Amino acid sequence: MRKLTILAALLIASAAHAQSLDDVVSNVMKEYGGTPAWQKVTTLRETGTVIPMMRKGDGKVIRFWQKPDKLRFDVTYPTDHEVRVVDGDHGTRNDKEVTGGSLDAMKLQAARLALPLLLVEKRASLHDLGTKDGVRTIEIPLPGSLTLTVTIDQKTWHILRSTGKAGELEFVVDYSDFRRVGGLLFPFAEAGMAQGMPTANTKLDAIEINAPSTPLPPAAK
């Protein structure tokens, strides 16, 4: 009996390892609420608190993402206020144009808010990096030589981490506190790192799907 139990466990583990990339994407999308529902998402409005690691005082944040690649990041700290806007290949911080690594970081932030839909939209160009200890790793190529690599728990089908790369720069976000909003799954807690150093933790209070709002203004060009 014990041998049969061990054999069954090995077969289950082998089947999980052998799942095709299509199966993985399908299972993730099913867990997150389904591809058709995600394809109807045009905007996301997220509010919460940013707890920075390199400065004093928490910030109240509003993130407004607009399909396909626009993001307004508005955070108010006890002593100052910052607004970042990214629109495709252009970005501003407090109305001043941003370029180089700072712009790449903002573009990666906008892309992260589109998870897990990116797995479907970029399916033809995904790079399957394999499975280790029940975690599947998939690289998503983005415009401008940027990449976003996600790690997926093959038991829960949750995206546990995203790693954005722009040249030598690396930005990591760990996701937790998963909740459903309107049938879709979102992480309500994020822990961020840049170049291996903790940067900030974000705790969301609310997420609105297709929230009515004035379209984001284009970033300065």
Protein backbone atom coordinates (compact mmCIF):
# COMPACT_ATOMS: atom_id res chain seq x y z
CA MET A 1 0.00 0.00 0.00
CA ARG A 2 2.82 2.35 0.92
CA LYS A 3 4.57 1.63 -2.38
CA LEU A 4 1.40 2.52 -4.27
CA THR A 5 1.13 5.81 -2.37
CA ILE A 6 4.71 6.70 -3.18
CA LEU A 7 4.20 5.75 -6.82
CA ALA A 8 1.07 7.90 -7.04
CA ALA A 9 2.94 10.87 -5.55
CA LEU A 10 5.74 10.43 -8.08
CA LEU A 11 3.28 10.25 -10.95
CA ILE A 12 1.55 13.43 -9.80
CA ALA A 13 4.88 15.24 -9.49
CA SER A 14 5.94 13.98 -12.93
CA ALA A 15 2.65 15.14 -14.48
CA ALA A 16 3.05 18.60 -12.96
CA HIS A 17 6.58 18.84 -14.32
CA ALA A 18 5.48 17.68 -17.76
CA GLN A 19 2.70 20.23 -18.22
CA SER A 20 3.06 22.20 -21.42
CA LEU A 21 3.42 25.95 -21.47
CA ASP A 22 -0.10 26.20 -22.90
CA ASP A 23 -1.41 24.20 -19.94
CA VAL A 24 0.40 26.44 -17.47
CA VAL A 25 -0.95 29.64 -19.01
CA SER A 26 -4.43 28.12 -19.15
CA ASN A 27 -4.32 27.08 -15.48
CA VAL A 28 -3.05 30.49 -14.37
CA MET A 29 -5.76 32.31 -16.29
CA LYS A 30 -8.43 29.97 -14.91
CA GLU A 31 -7.26 30.67 -11.34
CA TYR A 32 -7.13 34.41 -11.95
CA GLY A 33 -10.67 34.57 -13.28
CA GLY A 34 -10.49 33.51 -16.92
CA THR A 35 -9.06 34.97 -20.13
CA PRO A 36 -12.37 36.42 -21.44
CA ALA A 37 -12.91 38.37 -18.20
CA TRP A 38 -9.35 39.72 -18.18
CA GLN A 39 -9.59 40.76 -21.83
CA LYS A 40 -12.49 43.02 -20.85
CA VAL A 41 -10.33 44.90 -18.35
CA THR A 42 -9.46 48.34 -19.72
CA THR A 43 -8.53 50.19 -16.50
CA LEU A 44 -7.51 49.37 -12.94
CA ARG A 45 -7.61 51.83 -10.06
CA GLU A 46 -5.70 50.67 -6.99
CA THR A 47 -5.43 52.52 -3.68
CA GLY A 48 -3.34 51.69 -0.66
CA THR A 49 -0.22 52.43 1.36
CA VAL A 50 3.45 52.42 0.37
CA ILE A 51 5.93 51.65 3.15
CA PRO A 52 9.36 52.79 1.89
CA MET A 53 12.56 51.19 3.12
CA MET A 54 14.86 54.16 2.41
CA ARG A 55 12.90 57.09 3.82
CA LYS A 56 10.72 57.94 6.79
CA GLY A 57 6.95 58.09 6.56
CA ASP A 58 4.44 55.93 4.73
CA GLY A 59 2.76 57.16 1.57
CA LYS A 60 -0.82 57.02 0.38
CA VAL A 61 -0.80 55.72 -3.17
CA ILE A 62 -3.19 55.69 -6.11
CA ARG A 63 -2.23 53.63 -9.15
CA PHE A 64 -4.35 54.05 -12.27
CA TRP A 65 -3.51 51.69 -15.14
CA GLN A 66 -5.04 52.12 -18.57
CA LYS A 67 -4.75 49.51 -21.29
CA PRO A 68 -2.39 48.83 -22.98
CA ASP A 69 0.59 50.54 -21.32
CA LYS A 70 -0.37 53.73 -19.48
CA LEU A 71 0.11 54.22 -15.77
CA ARG A 72 -0.30 57.10 -13.36
CA PHE A 73 1.40 56.51 -10.00
CA ASP A 74 0.37 59.14 -7.46
CA VAL A 75 1.85 58.94 -3.95
CA THR A 76 1.57 61.41 -1.07
CA TYR A 77 4.18 61.21 1.70
CA PRO A 78 4.14 63.26 4.92
CA THR A 79 6.62 65.74 3.44
CA ASP A 80 6.14 65.59 -0.34
CA HIS A 81 4.02 64.44 -3.26
CA GLU A 82 5.16 62.50 -6.33
CA VAL A 83 3.33 61.80 -9.57
CA ARG A 84 4.77 59.50 -12.22
CA VAL A 85 3.08 59.06 -15.58
CA VAL A 86 4.18 56.55 -18.19
CA ASP A 87 2.61 56.33 -21.64
CA GLY A 88 4.29 53.78 -23.86
CA ASP A 89 7.84 54.97 -24.51
CA HIS A 90 7.47 58.27 -22.65
CA GLY A 91 7.37 59.13 -18.97
CA THR A 92 7.35 62.05 -16.56
CA ARG A 93 7.96 62.53 -12.85
CA ASN A 94 6.27 65.62 -11.40
CA ASP A 95 5.84 66.90 -14.98
CA LYS A 96 9.55 66.55 -15.80
CA GLU A 97 10.56 64.15 -18.56
CA VAL A 98 12.18 60.89 -17.45
CA THR A 99 14.60 58.87 -19.58
CA GLY A 100 17.05 55.98 -19.28
CA GLY A 101 16.88 53.57 -16.37
CA SER A 102 14.24 55.59 -14.53
CA LEU A 103 11.92 55.40 -17.53
CA ASP A 104 12.58 51.67 -17.92
CA ALA A 105 11.63 51.14 -14.27
CA MET A 106 8.34 52.97 -14.85
CA LYS A 107 7.61 50.97 -18.01
CA LEU A 108 8.20 47.73 -16.10
CA GLN A 109 5.88 48.94 -13.34
CA ALA A 110 3.14 49.55 -15.90
CA ALA A 111 3.69 46.10 -17.41
CA ARG A 112 3.45 44.40 -14.00
CA LEU A 113 -0.06 45.74 -13.49
CA ALA A 114 -1.14 43.81 -16.59
CA LEU A 115 -0.32 40.45 -15.03
CA PRO A 116 -1.53 37.80 -15.68
CA LEU A 117 -2.98 39.06 -18.98
CA LEU A 118 0.55 39.46 -20.37
CA LEU A 119 0.88 35.68 -20.40
CA VAL A 120 -1.96 35.52 -22.93
CA GLU A 121 -1.08 38.60 -24.97
CA LYS A 122 2.59 37.59 -25.27
CA ARG A 123 1.98 33.83 -25.58
CA ALA A 124 3.80 33.51 -28.92
CA SER A 125 7.01 35.01 -27.52
CA LEU A 126 7.09 33.49 -24.02
CA HIS A 127 10.27 31.70 -22.95
CA ASP A 128 9.65 28.65 -20.77
CA LEU A 129 12.52 28.45 -18.27
CA GLY A 130 11.32 25.20 -16.71
CA THR A 131 10.15 23.93 -13.34
CA LYS A 132 12.04 23.61 -10.06
CA ASP A 133 10.54 22.54 -6.73
CA GLY A 134 7.01 22.94 -8.11
CA VAL A 135 7.60 26.49 -9.35
CA ARG A 136 7.43 27.28 -13.07
CA THR A 137 9.47 30.19 -14.42
CA ILE A 138 8.44 32.03 -17.59
CA GLU A 139 10.16 34.99 -19.25
CA ILE A 140 8.00 37.57 -21.01
CA PRO A 141 9.83 39.71 -23.61
CA LEU A 142 8.68 43.35 -23.66
CA PRO A 143 9.36 46.20 -26.09
CA GLY A 144 12.71 47.95 -25.92
CA SER A 145 14.73 44.90 -24.79
CA LEU A 146 12.93 44.82 -21.45
CA THR A 147 11.91 41.49 -19.93
CA LEU A 148 9.56 40.46 -17.17
CA THR A 149 10.11 37.00 -15.67
CA VAL A 150 7.38 35.46 -13.52
CA THR A 151 7.50 32.51 -11.14
CA ILE A 152 4.31 30.49 -10.76
CA ASP A 153 3.36 28.06 -7.99
CA GLN A 154 2.03 24.99 -9.79
CA LYS A 155 -0.11 24.02 -6.79
CA THR A 156 -2.06 27.28 -6.50
CA TRP A 157 -1.30 28.74 -9.97
CA HIS A 158 -0.51 32.04 -8.28
CA ILE A 159 2.18 34.32 -9.70
CA LEU A 160 4.50 34.62 -6.71
CA ARG A 161 7.19 36.91 -8.11
CA SER A 162 7.98 39.10 -11.09
CA THR A 163 11.51 40.11 -12.03
CA GLY A 164 11.86 42.99 -14.44
CA LYS A 165 15.15 43.54 -16.24
CA ALA A 166 16.38 46.53 -18.18
CA GLY A 167 20.02 46.11 -19.11
CA GLU A 168 21.94 45.70 -15.86
CA LEU A 169 19.00 46.90 -13.76
CA GLU A 170 16.77 44.37 -11.98
CA PHE A 171 13.50 45.04 -10.19
CA VAL A 172 11.81 42.28 -8.19
CA VAL A 173 8.29 42.21 -6.73
CA ASP A 174 6.98 39.42 -4.48
CA TYR A 175 3.19 39.00 -4.36
CA SER A 176 0.96 37.79 -1.51
CA ASP A 177 -2.44 38.31 0.16
CA PHE A 178 -4.42 37.18 -2.89
CA ARG A 179 -8.06 38.24 -3.02
CA ARG A 180 -10.86 38.25 -5.57
CA VAL A 181 -12.41 41.41 -6.94
CA GLY A 182 -15.30 41.05 -9.37
CA GLY A 183 -14.31 37.42 -9.94
CA LEU A 184 -10.69 38.29 -10.78
CA LEU A 185 -7.72 37.44 -8.55
CA PHE A 186 -5.27 40.13 -7.41
CA PRO A 187 -2.38 40.29 -4.93
CA PHE A 188 -3.08 42.93 -2.28
CA ALA A 189 0.48 42.90 -0.91
CA GLU A 190 3.72 43.55 -2.77
CA ALA A 191 7.33 43.57 -1.57
CA GLY A 192 9.70 45.36 -3.93
CA MET A 193 13.46 45.17 -4.44
CA ALA A 194 15.88 46.93 -6.79
CA GLN A 195 19.33 45.49 -7.46
CA GLY A 196 18.78 43.08 -4.57
CA MET A 197 17.98 45.81 -2.03
CA PRO A 198 14.49 46.14 -0.48
CA THR A 199 12.80 49.34 -1.69
CA ALA A 200 9.19 49.38 -0.50
CA ASN A 201 6.21 47.29 0.57
CA THR A 202 2.81 48.12 -0.87
CA LYS A 203 -0.45 47.16 0.81
CA LEU A 204 -3.58 47.74 -1.23
CA ASP A 205 -6.92 48.61 0.34
CA ALA A 206 -9.09 48.52 -2.77
CA ILE A 207 -8.99 47.67 -6.49
CA GLU A 208 -11.58 48.95 -8.95
CA ILE A 209 -11.93 47.22 -12.31
CA ASN A 210 -12.85 49.42 -15.29
CA ALA A 211 -13.21 52.37 -12.94
CA PRO A 212 -14.67 55.43 -14.70
CA SER A 213 -12.02 58.07 -15.00
CA THR A 214 -10.73 60.73 -17.31
CA PRO A 215 -8.19 59.07 -19.64
CA LEU A 216 -4.61 59.52 -18.52
CA PRO A 217 -2.86 62.51 -20.05
CA PRO A 218 0.05 61.61 -22.35
CA ALA A 219 3.50 61.94 -20.86
CA ALA A 220 5.66 64.75 -22.18
CA LYS A 221 7.32 63.97 -25.51
